[in-house]
Amino acid sequence: MSEYPRGLAAFSLEGRKALITGGNRGLGYAFTQALADAGASVAFIGRGADANQAAVDRLADAGIAAHAISADLTRDDDVQRGVDEAVHALGGLDIVVNNAGACVHNPAWDATDEQWQQVFDLNVRAVWKVSLAAGRHLRATGGGCIVNIGSISGLIVNRPQAQAPYNASKAAVHQLTKSLAAEWAPDNIRVNAVAPGYVKTEMAPVDRPELRRMWIEDAPQQRYAMPEEIAPTVVYLCSPAAAFVTGSVLVIDGGYTVY
């Protein structure tokens, strides 16, 4: 029987190489920092060169050297270029975190085809394309892990805001996660997802008083999360501690979905 790391060593990412999409702010930034803190070499993809550089500088202040890649993940050539650049910069690839996403609040009657396309292109198609591009490398080099960022919006219908395209896109991410996990297990590629609840980021105005009643008071813990509270679960899923975990969607929501 092979030896497995014991204790905290099971959570170490020392020597691993990680790519995070949407890594220049919010949850993605927290994931980039947490993976690096656990020992991984990190690269992230973001759309804005200025935002990327600002994130690189912040990480450098924390003692982390990160490689930033400017790319639009709704463009297939940018996806392949971004993955190839990460592999080159890091000297390989073991971990992929599909975090980049978009949300539009609009009643279904008023949602436009363009809004639907915008959400699905980034939240679903980009996850699919990045997973394929990175997955081919992982398969060729003996395996690795992919973590997709889903949402409780893929499990429940949020209120009071209307966001049918976003909810549908996150449900698709959860099912895509399970499908890839089933197909790619023989290639030693683990695929999991996390489904965060309400987290304080640029995308979620959790501080707005008119939203508190349904976003905060309906949750057993009566609060929102900070990105740094979600990041350790991503580290776990990328680590040897999760070696027998694949096809899972881990909900991190302060109990919101128990009701």
C-alpha atoms as a PDB file:
ATOM      1  CA  MET A   1       0.000   0.000   0.000  1.00  0.00           C
ATOM      2  CA  SER A   2       1.394   3.415  -0.992  1.00  0.00           C
ATOM      3  CA  GLU A   3       2.243   6.083   1.550  1.00  0.00           C
ATOM      4  CA  TYR A   4      -0.066   9.052   1.932  1.00  0.00           C
ATOM      5  CA  PRO A   5       0.923  12.388   3.513  1.00  0.00           C
ATOM      6  CA  ARG A   6      -0.194  12.757   7.103  1.00  0.00           C
ATOM      7  CA  GLY A   7      -1.696  15.681   8.971  1.00  0.00           C
ATOM      8  CA  LEU A   8      -1.250  19.140   7.517  1.00  0.00           C
ATOM      9  CA  ALA A   9       1.194  17.762   4.941  1.00  0.00           C
ATOM     10  CA  ALA A  10      -1.844  16.357   3.113  1.00  0.00           C
ATOM     11  CA  PHE A  11      -2.963  19.917   2.378  1.00  0.00           C
ATOM     12  CA  SER A  12       0.380  21.110   0.999  1.00  0.00           C
ATOM     13  CA  LEU A  13       0.610  22.193  -2.636  1.00  0.00           C
ATOM     14  CA  GLU A  14       4.388  22.442  -2.590  1.00  0.00           C
ATOM     15  CA  GLY A  15       5.727  21.959  -6.099  1.00  0.00           C
ATOM     16  CA  ARG A  16       2.300  22.192  -7.747  1.00  0.00           C
ATOM     17  CA  LYS A  17       1.575  24.625 -10.574  1.00  0.00           C
ATOM     18  CA  ALA A  18      -1.800  26.353 -10.637  1.00  0.00           C
ATOM     19  CA  LEU A  19      -3.782  28.464 -13.117  1.00  0.00           C
ATOM     20  CA  ILE A  20      -6.717  30.551 -11.893  1.00  0.00           C
ATOM     21  CA  THR A  21      -9.134  32.302 -14.252  1.00  0.00           C
ATOM     22  CA  GLY A  22     -10.539  35.636 -13.196  1.00  0.00           C
ATOM     23  CA  GLY A  23      -7.718  35.795 -10.670  1.00  0.00           C
ATOM     24  CA  ASN A  24      -7.167  39.527 -10.446  1.00  0.00           C
ATOM     25  CA  ARG A  25      -9.971  40.396  -8.007  1.00  0.00           C
ATOM     26  CA  GLY A  26     -12.634  39.065  -5.649  1.00  0.00           C
ATOM     27  CA  LEU A  27     -12.837  35.327  -5.207  1.00  0.00           C
ATOM     28  CA  GLY A  28     -10.249  34.681  -7.902  1.00  0.00           C
ATOM     29  CA  TYR A  29      -7.671  36.847  -6.167  1.00  0.00           C
ATOM     30  CA  ALA A  30      -8.326  35.046  -2.872  1.00  0.00           C
ATOM     31  CA  PHE A  31      -7.889  31.683  -4.620  1.00  0.00           C
ATOM     32  CA  THR A  32      -4.628  32.797  -6.215  1.00  0.00           C
ATOM     33  CA  GLN A  33      -3.254  33.950  -2.881  1.00  0.00           C
ATOM     34  CA  ALA A  34      -4.426  30.874  -0.970  1.00  0.00           C
ATOM     35  CA  LEU A  35      -2.980  28.404  -3.495  1.00  0.00           C
ATOM     36  CA  ALA A  36       0.339  30.252  -3.386  1.00  0.00           C
ATOM     37  CA  ASP A  37       0.285  30.313   0.410  1.00  0.00           C
ATOM     38  CA  ALA A  38      -0.160  26.526   0.304  1.00  0.00           C
ATOM     39  CA  GLY A  39       3.006  26.208  -1.777  1.00  0.00           C
ATOM     40  CA  ALA A  40       1.857  26.316  -5.392  1.00  0.00           C
ATOM     41  CA  SER A  41       3.391  28.384  -8.159  1.00  0.00           C
ATOM     42  CA  VAL A  42       0.570  30.498  -9.565  1.00  0.00           C
ATOM     43  CA  ALA A  43      -0.542  32.156 -12.775  1.00  0.00           C
ATOM     44  CA  PHE A  44      -3.867  33.844 -13.337  1.00  0.00           C
ATOM     45  CA  ILE A  45      -5.890  35.019 -16.304  1.00  0.00           C
ATOM     46  CA  GLY A  46      -7.742  38.330 -16.279  1.00  0.00           C
ATOM     47  CA  ARG A  47      -9.204  40.603 -18.917  1.00  0.00           C
ATOM     48  CA  GLY A  48      -7.660  43.944 -17.918  1.00  0.00           C
ATOM     49  CA  ALA A  49      -3.912  44.502 -18.069  1.00  0.00           C
ATOM     50  CA  ASP A  50      -4.108  47.280 -15.466  1.00  0.00           C
ATOM     51  CA  ALA A  51      -6.177  45.158 -13.077  1.00  0.00           C
ATOM     52  CA  ASN A  52      -3.787  42.270 -13.624  1.00  0.00           C
ATOM     53  CA  GLN A  53      -0.777  44.388 -12.780  1.00  0.00           C
ATOM     54  CA  ALA A  54      -2.479  45.768  -9.680  1.00  0.00           C
ATOM     55  CA  ALA A  55      -3.134  42.201  -8.519  1.00  0.00           C
ATOM     56  CA  VAL A  56       0.456  41.178  -9.230  1.00  0.00           C
ATOM     57  CA  ASP A  57       1.667  44.125  -7.155  1.00  0.00           C
ATOM     58  CA  ARG A  58      -0.650  43.304  -4.245  1.00  0.00           C
ATOM     59  CA  LEU A  59       0.472  39.692  -4.286  1.00  0.00           C
ATOM     60  CA  ALA A  60       4.112  40.765  -4.411  1.00  0.00           C
ATOM     61  CA  ASP A  61       3.510  42.836  -1.276  1.00  0.00           C
ATOM     62  CA  ALA A  62       2.374  39.585   0.356  1.00  0.00           C
ATOM     63  CA  GLY A  63       5.529  37.804  -0.791  1.00  0.00           C
ATOM     64  CA  ILE A  64       3.894  35.986  -3.718  1.00  0.00           C
ATOM     65  CA  ALA A  65       5.266  35.951  -7.264  1.00  0.00           C
ATOM     66  CA  ALA A  66       2.338  35.528  -9.651  1.00  0.00           C
ATOM     67  CA  HIS A  67       2.327  35.463 -13.437  1.00  0.00           C
ATOM     68  CA  ALA A  68      -0.526  37.484 -14.977  1.00  0.00           C
ATOM     69  CA  ILE A  69      -2.021  36.651 -18.370  1.00  0.00           C
ATOM     70  CA  SER A  70      -4.303  39.089 -20.175  1.00  0.00           C
ATOM     71  CA  ALA A  71      -6.929  37.186 -22.140  1.00  0.00           C
ATOM     72  CA  ASP A  72     -10.617  37.136 -23.046  1.00  0.00           C
ATOM     73  CA  LEU A  73     -11.845  33.644 -22.252  1.00  0.00           C
ATOM     74  CA  THR A  74     -14.853  34.009 -24.544  1.00  0.00           C
ATOM     75  CA  ARG A  75     -12.363  33.838 -27.444  1.00  0.00           C
ATOM     76  CA  ASP A  76     -11.089  30.348 -28.248  1.00  0.00           C
ATOM     77  CA  ASP A  77      -7.656  31.531 -29.384  1.00  0.00           C
ATOM     78  CA  ASP A  78      -7.227  33.474 -26.137  1.00  0.00           C
ATOM     79  CA  VAL A  79      -8.137  30.368 -24.126  1.00  0.00           C
ATOM     80  CA  GLN A  80      -5.464  28.266 -25.792  1.00  0.00           C
ATOM     81  CA  ARG A  81      -2.901  31.056 -25.638  1.00  0.00           C
ATOM     82  CA  GLY A  82      -3.639  31.653 -21.954  1.00  0.00           C
ATOM     83  CA  VAL A  83      -3.254  28.002 -21.011  1.00  0.00           C
ATOM     84  CA  ASP A  84      -0.091  27.645 -23.110  1.00  0.00           C
ATOM     85  CA  GLU A  85       1.406  30.765 -21.519  1.00  0.00           C
ATOM     86  CA  ALA A  86       0.648  29.454 -18.029  1.00  0.00           C
ATOM     87  CA  VAL A  87       2.293  26.108 -18.820  1.00  0.00           C
ATOM     88  CA  HIS A  88       5.349  27.901 -20.180  1.00  0.00           C
ATOM     89  CA  ALA A  89       5.609  30.395 -17.314  1.00  0.00           C
ATOM     90  CA  LEU A  90       5.124  27.812 -14.574  1.00  0.00           C
ATOM     91  CA  GLY A  91       7.008  24.967 -16.190  1.00  0.00           C
ATOM     92  CA  GLY A  92       3.932  22.756 -16.242  1.00  0.00           C
ATOM     93  CA  LEU A  93       0.405  22.614 -14.910  1.00  0.00           C
ATOM     94  CA  ASP A  94      -1.249  20.556 -12.174  1.00  0.00           C
ATOM     95  CA  ILE A  95      -4.202  22.664 -10.997  1.00  0.00           C
ATOM     96  CA  VAL A  96      -6.866  24.691 -12.791  1.00  0.00           C
ATOM     97  CA  VAL A  97      -9.467  26.843 -11.040  1.00  0.00           C
ATOM     98  CA  ASN A  98     -12.248  28.009 -13.357  1.00  0.00           C
ATOM     99  CA  ASN A  99     -13.440  31.109 -11.544  1.00  0.00           C
ATOM    100  CA  ALA A 100     -14.131  33.790 -14.185  1.00  0.00           C
ATOM    101  CA  GLY A 101     -17.813  34.636 -14.408  1.00  0.00           C
ATOM    102  CA  ALA A 102     -20.478  37.245 -15.105  1.00  0.00           C
ATOM    103  CA  CYS A 103     -23.988  37.948 -13.836  1.00  0.00           C
ATOM    104  CA  VAL A 104     -26.869  40.049 -15.175  1.00  0.00           C
ATOM    105  CA  HIS A 105     -29.867  41.001 -13.021  1.00  0.00           C
ATOM    106  CA  ASN A 106     -32.907  41.314 -15.248  1.00  0.00           C
ATOM    107  CA  PRO A 107     -36.404  39.789 -15.219  1.00  0.00           C
ATOM    108  CA  ALA A 108     -36.706  36.898 -17.666  1.00  0.00           C
ATOM    109  CA  TRP A 109     -39.224  38.844 -19.752  1.00  0.00           C
ATOM    110  CA  ASP A 110     -36.654  41.599 -20.259  1.00  0.00           C
ATOM    111  CA  ALA A 111     -33.443  39.577 -20.558  1.00  0.00           C
ATOM    112  CA  THR A 112     -31.938  39.956 -24.012  1.00  0.00           C
ATOM    113  CA  ASP A 113     -30.309  37.331 -26.169  1.00  0.00           C
ATOM    114  CA  GLU A 114     -27.073  39.282 -25.807  1.00  0.00           C
ATOM    115  CA  GLN A 115     -27.257  39.091 -22.000  1.00  0.00           C
ATOM    116  CA  TRP A 116     -27.949  35.362 -22.106  1.00  0.00           C
ATOM    117  CA  GLN A 117     -25.042  34.858 -24.490  1.00  0.00           C
ATOM    118  CA  GLN A 118     -22.713  37.014 -22.384  1.00  0.00           C
ATOM    119  CA  VAL A 119     -23.426  34.982 -19.249  1.00  0.00           C
ATOM    120  CA  PHE A 120     -23.234  31.557 -20.885  1.00  0.00           C
ATOM    121  CA  ASP A 121     -20.150  32.368 -22.943  1.00  0.00           C
ATOM    122  CA  LEU A 122     -18.108  33.158 -19.825  1.00  0.00           C
ATOM    123  CA  ASN A 123     -19.787  31.053 -17.137  1.00  0.00           C
ATOM    124  CA  VAL A 124     -20.179  27.824 -19.119  1.00  0.00           C
ATOM    125  CA  ARG A 125     -18.474  27.827 -22.501  1.00  0.00           C
ATOM    126  CA  ALA A 126     -15.237  29.308 -21.144  1.00  0.00           C
ATOM    127  CA  VAL A 127     -15.191  26.728 -18.346  1.00  0.00           C
ATOM    128  CA  TRP A 128     -15.641  24.031 -20.991  1.00  0.00           C
ATOM    129  CA  LYS A 129     -12.913  25.420 -23.248  1.00  0.00           C
ATOM    130  CA  VAL A 130     -10.381  26.058 -20.459  1.00  0.00           C
ATOM    131  CA  SER A 131     -11.029  22.588 -19.060  1.00  0.00           C
ATOM    132  CA  LEU A 132     -10.413  21.013 -22.455  1.00  0.00           C
ATOM    133  CA  ALA A 133      -7.259  23.006 -23.176  1.00  0.00           C
ATOM    134  CA  ALA A 134      -5.807  22.433 -19.718  1.00  0.00           C
ATOM    135  CA  GLY A 135      -7.171  18.905 -19.465  1.00  0.00           C
ATOM    136  CA  ARG A 136      -5.236  17.795 -22.542  1.00  0.00           C
ATOM    137  CA  HIS A 137      -2.043  18.909 -20.826  1.00  0.00           C
ATOM    138  CA  LEU A 138      -3.000  17.275 -17.522  1.00  0.00           C
ATOM    139  CA  ARG A 139      -3.763  14.015 -19.311  1.00  0.00           C
ATOM    140  CA  ALA A 140      -0.435  14.087 -21.128  1.00  0.00           C
ATOM    141  CA  THR A 141       1.533  14.680 -17.928  1.00  0.00           C
ATOM    142  CA  GLY A 142      -0.116  12.163 -15.625  1.00  0.00           C
ATOM    143  CA  GLY A 143      -3.154  13.974 -14.249  1.00  0.00           C
ATOM    144  CA  GLY A 144      -4.111  16.849 -12.000  1.00  0.00           C
ATOM    145  CA  CYS A 145      -7.196  18.575 -10.705  1.00  0.00           C
ATOM    146  CA  ILE A 146      -9.767  21.094 -11.874  1.00  0.00           C
ATOM    147  CA  VAL A 147     -11.992  23.101  -9.549  1.00  0.00           C
ATOM    148  CA  ASN A 148     -14.953  24.930 -11.052  1.00  0.00           C
ATOM    149  CA  ILE A 149     -16.624  27.780  -9.204  1.00  0.00           C
ATOM    150  CA  GLY A 150     -20.346  27.153  -9.221  1.00  0.00           C
ATOM    151  CA  SER A 151     -22.864  28.819  -6.922  1.00  0.00           C
ATOM    152  CA  ILE A 152     -25.846  28.211  -4.692  1.00  0.00           C
ATOM    153  CA  SER A 153     -27.615  29.891  -7.622  1.00  0.00           C
ATOM    154  CA  GLY A 154     -27.257  26.550  -9.397  1.00  0.00           C
ATOM    155  CA  LEU A 155     -29.222  24.910  -6.577  1.00  0.00           C
ATOM    156  CA  ILE A 156     -31.858  27.485  -5.599  1.00  0.00           C
ATOM    157  CA  VAL A 157     -33.542  30.537  -7.114  1.00  0.00           C
ATOM    158  CA  ASN A 158     -32.141  33.708  -5.591  1.00  0.00           C
ATOM    159  CA  ARG A 159     -34.412  36.511  -4.446  1.00  0.00           C
ATOM    160  CA  PRO A 160     -35.343  39.314  -4.705  1.00  0.00           C
ATOM    161  CA  GLN A 161     -33.148  39.794  -7.811  1.00  0.00           C
ATOM    162  CA  ALA A 162     -34.086  38.124 -11.088  1.00  0.00           C
ATOM    163  CA  GLN A 163     -31.157  36.367 -12.782  1.00  0.00           C
ATOM    164  CA  ALA A 164     -32.424  33.346 -14.677  1.00  0.00           C
ATOM    165  CA  PRO A 165     -29.482  33.135 -17.131  1.00  0.00           C
ATOM    166  CA  TYR A 166     -26.941  33.187 -14.285  1.00  0.00           C
ATOM    167  CA  ASN A 167     -28.828  30.550 -12.279  1.00  0.00           C
ATOM    168  CA  ALA A 168     -29.067  28.294 -15.317  1.00  0.00           C
ATOM    169  CA  SER A 169     -25.381  28.800 -16.105  1.00  0.00           C
ATOM    170  CA  LYS A 170     -24.264  27.751 -12.624  1.00  0.00           C
ATOM    171  CA  ALA A 171     -26.474  24.658 -12.713  1.00  0.00           C
ATOM    172  CA  ALA A 172     -24.735  23.834 -15.994  1.00  0.00           C
ATOM    173  CA  VAL A 173     -21.321  24.264 -14.325  1.00  0.00           C
ATOM    174  CA  HIS A 174     -22.303  21.771 -11.618  1.00  0.00           C
ATOM    175  CA  GLN A 175     -23.427  19.174 -14.150  1.00  0.00           C
ATOM    176  CA  LEU A 176     -20.407  19.775 -16.381  1.00  0.00           C
ATOM    177  CA  THR A 177     -18.221  19.190 -13.333  1.00  0.00           C
ATOM    178  CA  LYS A 178     -19.818  15.800 -12.694  1.00  0.00           C
ATOM    179  CA  SER A 179     -19.681  14.803 -16.347  1.00  0.00           C
ATOM    180  CA  LEU A 180     -15.981  15.621 -16.745  1.00  0.00           C
ATOM    181  CA  ALA A 181     -15.174  13.935 -13.430  1.00  0.00           C
ATOM    182  CA  ALA A 182     -16.780  10.725 -14.681  1.00  0.00           C
ATOM    183  CA  GLU A 183     -15.005  10.829 -18.042  1.00  0.00           C
ATOM    184  CA  TRP A 184     -11.573  11.919 -16.881  1.00  0.00           C
ATOM    185  CA  ALA A 185     -11.076   9.816 -13.759  1.00  0.00           C
ATOM    186  CA  PRO A 186      -9.202   7.146 -15.791  1.00  0.00           C
ATOM    187  CA  ASP A 187      -6.728   9.887 -16.782  1.00  0.00           C
ATOM    188  CA  ASN A 188      -6.107  10.722 -13.094  1.00  0.00           C
ATOM    189  CA  ILE A 189      -7.857  14.084 -13.461  1.00  0.00           C
ATOM    190  CA  ARG A 190     -10.116  15.032 -10.578  1.00  0.00           C
ATOM    191  CA  VAL A 191     -12.881  17.556 -11.301  1.00  0.00           C
ATOM    192  CA  ASN A 192     -14.865  19.196  -8.501  1.00  0.00           C
ATOM    193  CA  ALA A 193     -16.818  22.379  -7.865  1.00  0.00           C
ATOM    194  CA  VAL A 194     -17.572  24.684  -4.998  1.00  0.00           C
ATOM    195  CA  ALA A 195     -20.935  26.423  -4.662  1.00  0.00           C
ATOM    196  CA  PRO A 196     -20.499  29.592  -2.588  1.00  0.00           C
ATOM    197  CA  GLY A 197     -23.365  31.464  -1.030  1.00  0.00           C
ATOM    198  CA  TYR A 198     -23.339  35.219  -0.589  1.00  0.00           C
ATOM    199  CA  VAL A 199     -19.772  36.511  -0.563  1.00  0.00           C
ATOM    200  CA  LYS A 200     -18.647  40.123  -0.395  1.00  0.00           C
ATOM    201  CA  THR A 201     -17.168  40.809  -3.846  1.00  0.00           C
ATOM    202  CA  GLU A 202     -17.573  43.351  -6.612  1.00  0.00           C
ATOM    203  CA  MET A 203     -20.284  41.136  -8.142  1.00  0.00           C
ATOM    204  CA  ALA A 204     -22.377  40.756  -4.990  1.00  0.00           C
ATOM    205  CA  PRO A 205     -23.614  43.957  -3.277  1.00  0.00           C
ATOM    206  CA  VAL A 206     -24.090  42.179   0.055  1.00  0.00           C
ATOM    207  CA  ASP A 207     -24.032  45.443   2.015  1.00  0.00           C
ATOM    208  CA  ARG A 208     -27.154  46.892   0.404  1.00  0.00           C
ATOM    209  CA  PRO A 209     -29.812  47.222   3.142  1.00  0.00           C
ATOM    210  CA  GLU A 210     -32.721  46.329   0.836  1.00  0.00           C
ATOM    211  CA  LEU A 211     -31.087  42.931   0.197  1.00  0.00           C
ATOM    212  CA  ARG A 212     -30.237  42.088   3.802  1.00  0.00           C
ATOM    213  CA  ARG A 213     -33.631  40.562   4.624  1.00  0.00           C
ATOM    214  CA  MET A 214     -33.355  37.802   2.010  1.00  0.00           C
ATOM    215  CA  TRP A 215     -29.591  37.516   1.481  1.00  0.00           C
ATOM    216  CA  ILE A 216     -28.417  37.637   5.078  1.00  0.00           C
ATOM    217  CA  GLU A 217     -31.274  37.125   7.515  1.00  0.00           C
ATOM    218  CA  ASP A 218     -32.492  34.001   5.703  1.00  0.00           C
ATOM    219  CA  ALA A 219     -29.163  32.245   6.350  1.00  0.00           C
ATOM    220  CA  PRO A 220     -28.672  30.369   9.647  1.00  0.00           C
ATOM    221  CA  GLN A 221     -25.338  32.096  10.239  1.00  0.00           C
ATOM    222  CA  GLN A 222     -26.951  35.503   9.604  1.00  0.00           C
ATOM    223  CA  ARG A 223     -23.991  36.869   7.672  1.00  0.00           C
ATOM    224  CA  TYR A 224     -22.164  36.888   4.370  1.00  0.00           C
ATOM    225  CA  ALA A 225     -18.700  35.427   3.759  1.00  0.00           C
ATOM    226  CA  MET A 226     -15.439  37.041   2.757  1.00  0.00           C
ATOM    227  CA  PRO A 227     -13.517  35.564  -0.216  1.00  0.00           C
ATOM    228  CA  GLU A 228     -10.793  34.348   2.151  1.00  0.00           C
ATOM    229  CA  GLU A 229     -13.355  32.030   3.785  1.00  0.00           C
ATOM    230  CA  ILE A 230     -14.081  30.256   0.499  1.00  0.00           C
ATOM    231  CA  ALA A 231     -10.456  29.893  -0.595  1.00  0.00           C
ATOM    232  CA  PRO A 232      -9.403  27.150   1.882  1.00  0.00           C
ATOM    233  CA  THR A 233     -11.992  24.777   0.416  1.00  0.00           C
ATOM    234  CA  VAL A 234     -10.450  25.301  -3.020  1.00  0.00           C
ATOM    235  CA  VAL A 235      -7.018  24.562  -1.545  1.00  0.00           C
ATOM    236  CA  TYR A 236      -8.410  21.361  -0.023  1.00  0.00           C
ATOM    237  CA  LEU A 237      -9.898  20.188  -3.325  1.00  0.00           C
ATOM    238  CA  CYS A 238      -6.557  20.800  -5.071  1.00  0.00           C
ATOM    239  CA  SER A 239      -4.522  18.996  -2.411  1.00  0.00           C
ATOM    240  CA  PRO A 240      -3.606  15.359  -1.735  1.00  0.00           C
ATOM    241  CA  ALA A 241      -6.135  15.472   1.110  1.00  0.00           C
ATOM    242  CA  ALA A 242      -8.877  15.321  -1.539  1.00  0.00           C
ATOM    243  CA  ALA A 243      -7.326  12.471  -3.513  1.00  0.00           C
ATOM    244  CA  PHE A 244     -10.563  10.441  -3.326  1.00  0.00           C
ATOM    245  CA  VAL A 245     -12.853  13.410  -4.078  1.00  0.00           C
ATOM    246  CA  THR A 246     -14.106  13.887  -7.619  1.00  0.00           C
ATOM    247  CA  GLY A 247     -17.460  14.881  -9.099  1.00  0.00           C
ATOM    248  CA  SER A 248     -18.442  16.702  -5.912  1.00  0.00           C
ATOM    249  CA  VAL A 249     -20.109  20.099  -5.542  1.00  0.00           C
ATOM    250  CA  LEU A 250     -19.194  21.467  -2.117  1.00  0.00           C
ATOM    251  CA  VAL A 251     -21.673  24.038  -0.829  1.00  0.00           C
ATOM    252  CA  ILE A 252     -20.213  26.876   1.296  1.00  0.00           C
ATOM    253  CA  ASP A 253     -23.132  29.121   2.191  1.00  0.00           C
ATOM    254  CA  GLY A 254     -23.480  29.625   5.945  1.00  0.00           C
ATOM    255  CA  GLY A 255     -26.389  27.195   5.836  1.00  0.00           C
ATOM    256  CA  TYR A 256     -28.433  29.248   3.360  1.00  0.00           C
ATOM    257  CA  THR A 257     -29.642  26.254   1.338  1.00  0.00           C
ATOM    258  CA  VAL A 258     -30.750  24.149   4.323  1.00  0.00           C
ATOM    259  CA  TYR A 259     -34.136  25.895   4.375  1.00  0.00           C
END
